[in-house]
Amino acid sequence: MRRKPPQTDGSKHVQFSFEVDREVDGRWIAEIPEVPGALAYGTSAEEAKAKAYALALYAIADDVERQDKEIPDTISVPRVSA
């Protein structure tokens, strides 16, 4: 499956989006399609989003640590309340 690239505003700011759905068993599933592996279940939509968000941050941190990429001068991480 090909992932769509993250949205940018022309600078080094990157914006990801959530896809949230409810399973037939009542659980919520949230995914950040731009970050492979950032998919999580929760008992509420907000819990699933918070878990997917945490996985995305781990994946991004791991990617930065493993590769020799240009690191931005500033990092902006919006606060997510669960």
C-alpha atoms as a PDB file:
ATOM      1  CA  MET A   1       0.000   0.000   0.000  1.00  0.00           C
ATOM      2  CA  ARG A   2       1.368   3.404  -0.912  1.00  0.00           C
ATOM      3  CA  ARG A   3       1.186   6.031   1.826  1.00  0.00           C
ATOM      4  CA  LYS A   4       0.269   9.597   1.050  1.00  0.00           C
ATOM      5  CA  PRO A   5       2.907  12.169   1.999  1.00  0.00           C
ATOM      6  CA  PRO A   6       2.288  14.424   5.016  1.00  0.00           C
ATOM      7  CA  GLN A   7       0.835  17.868   4.403  1.00  0.00           C
ATOM      8  CA  THR A   8       3.147  20.856   4.686  1.00  0.00           C
ATOM      9  CA  ASP A   9       2.524  24.584   4.717  1.00  0.00           C
ATOM     10  CA  GLY A  10       5.580  25.370   2.573  1.00  0.00           C
ATOM     11  CA  SER A  11       7.944  25.441   5.544  1.00  0.00           C
ATOM     12  CA  LYS A  12       9.278  22.599   7.656  1.00  0.00           C
ATOM     13  CA  HIS A  13       5.936  22.259   9.461  1.00  0.00           C
ATOM     14  CA  VAL A  14       4.354  18.844   8.881  1.00  0.00           C
ATOM     15  CA  GLN A  15       0.716  18.059   9.567  1.00  0.00           C
ATOM     16  CA  PHE A  16      -0.730  14.565   9.881  1.00  0.00           C
ATOM     17  CA  SER A  17      -4.379  13.585   9.889  1.00  0.00           C
ATOM     18  CA  PHE A  18      -6.379  10.958  11.759  1.00  0.00           C
ATOM     19  CA  GLU A  19      -8.725   8.422  10.238  1.00  0.00           C
ATOM     20  CA  VAL A  20     -11.108   7.160  12.922  1.00  0.00           C
ATOM     21  CA  ASP A  21     -13.739   4.446  12.631  1.00  0.00           C
ATOM     22  CA  ARG A  22     -15.816   2.273  14.915  1.00  0.00           C
ATOM     23  CA  GLU A  23     -15.566  -1.506  14.625  1.00  0.00           C
ATOM     24  CA  VAL A  24     -18.649  -3.755  14.748  1.00  0.00           C
ATOM     25  CA  ASP A  25     -17.596  -4.934  18.222  1.00  0.00           C
ATOM     26  CA  GLY A  26     -17.769  -1.337  19.526  1.00  0.00           C
ATOM     27  CA  ARG A  27     -14.031  -0.629  19.696  1.00  0.00           C
ATOM     28  CA  TRP A  28     -12.668   2.491  18.066  1.00  0.00           C
ATOM     29  CA  ILE A  29      -9.720   2.381  15.685  1.00  0.00           C
ATOM     30  CA  ALA A  30      -7.572   5.374  14.777  1.00  0.00           C
ATOM     31  CA  GLU A  31      -4.835   5.573  12.180  1.00  0.00           C
ATOM     32  CA  ILE A  32      -2.427   8.227  10.976  1.00  0.00           C
ATOM     33  CA  PRO A  33      -2.046   7.058   7.364  1.00  0.00           C
ATOM     34  CA  GLU A  34       1.107   9.066   6.695  1.00  0.00           C
ATOM     35  CA  VAL A  35       3.008   7.158   9.426  1.00  0.00           C
ATOM     36  CA  PRO A  36       3.264   3.396   8.861  1.00  0.00           C
ATOM     37  CA  GLY A  37       2.298   1.503  12.002  1.00  0.00           C
ATOM     38  CA  ALA A  38       0.471   4.382  13.664  1.00  0.00           C
ATOM     39  CA  LEU A  39      -2.770   2.474  14.159  1.00  0.00           C
ATOM     40  CA  ALA A  40      -4.401   1.792  17.520  1.00  0.00           C
ATOM     41  CA  TYR A  41      -7.620   0.666  19.170  1.00  0.00           C
ATOM     42  CA  GLY A  42      -9.382   2.274  22.109  1.00  0.00           C
ATOM     43  CA  THR A  43     -12.646   2.169  24.026  1.00  0.00           C
ATOM     44  CA  SER A  44     -13.373   5.684  22.754  1.00  0.00           C
ATOM     45  CA  ALA A  45     -12.397   7.634  19.662  1.00  0.00           C
ATOM     46  CA  GLU A  46     -10.217   9.936  21.767  1.00  0.00           C
ATOM     47  CA  GLU A  47      -8.383   7.028  23.411  1.00  0.00           C
ATOM     48  CA  ALA A  48      -7.692   5.433  20.031  1.00  0.00           C
ATOM     49  CA  LYS A  49      -6.437   8.773  18.649  1.00  0.00           C
ATOM     50  CA  ALA A  50      -4.166   9.317  21.657  1.00  0.00           C
ATOM     51  CA  LYS A  51      -2.641   5.853  21.256  1.00  0.00           C
ATOM     52  CA  ALA A  52      -2.134   6.304  17.482  1.00  0.00           C
ATOM     53  CA  TYR A  53      -0.595   9.724  18.137  1.00  0.00           C
ATOM     54  CA  ALA A  54       1.888   8.216  20.614  1.00  0.00           C
ATOM     55  CA  LEU A  55       2.823   5.487  18.121  1.00  0.00           C
ATOM     56  CA  ALA A  56       3.371   8.108  15.410  1.00  0.00           C
ATOM     57  CA  LEU A  57       5.706  10.083  17.677  1.00  0.00           C
ATOM     58  CA  TYR A  58       7.681   6.907  18.480  1.00  0.00           C
ATOM     59  CA  ALA A  59       7.930   6.037  14.779  1.00  0.00           C
ATOM     60  CA  ILE A  60       9.086   9.541  13.844  1.00  0.00           C
ATOM     61  CA  ALA A  61      11.653   9.583  16.657  1.00  0.00           C
ATOM     62  CA  ASP A  62      12.966   6.185  15.585  1.00  0.00           C
ATOM     63  CA  ASP A  63      13.207   7.369  11.966  1.00  0.00           C
ATOM     64  CA  VAL A  64      15.156  10.481  12.973  1.00  0.00           C
ATOM     65  CA  GLU A  65      17.506   8.429  15.135  1.00  0.00           C
ATOM     66  CA  ARG A  66      18.209   5.860  12.405  1.00  0.00           C
ATOM     67  CA  GLN A  67      18.734   8.179   9.454  1.00  0.00           C
ATOM     68  CA  ASP A  68      21.012  11.077   8.740  1.00  0.00           C
ATOM     69  CA  LYS A  69      18.307  13.670   8.096  1.00  0.00           C
ATOM     70  CA  GLU A  70      18.302  17.424   8.434  1.00  0.00           C
ATOM     71  CA  ILE A  71      16.841  18.297  11.819  1.00  0.00           C
ATOM     72  CA  PRO A  72      14.588  21.400  11.878  1.00  0.00           C
ATOM     73  CA  ASP A  73      15.445  24.396  14.046  1.00  0.00           C
ATOM     74  CA  THR A  74      12.081  24.191  15.819  1.00  0.00           C
ATOM     75  CA  ILE A  75       9.600  21.422  16.545  1.00  0.00           C
ATOM     76  CA  SER A  76       5.902  21.998  17.106  1.00  0.00           C
ATOM     77  CA  VAL A  77       3.824  19.259  18.703  1.00  0.00           C
ATOM     78  CA  PRO A  78       0.187  20.096  19.433  1.00  0.00           C
ATOM     79  CA  ARG A  79      -1.229  18.900  22.718  1.00  0.00           C
ATOM     80  CA  VAL A  80      -3.763  16.083  22.424  1.00  0.00           C
ATOM     81  CA  SER A  81      -6.095  15.433  25.315  1.00  0.00           C
ATOM     82  CA  ALA A  82      -7.490  11.934  25.677  1.00  0.00           C
END
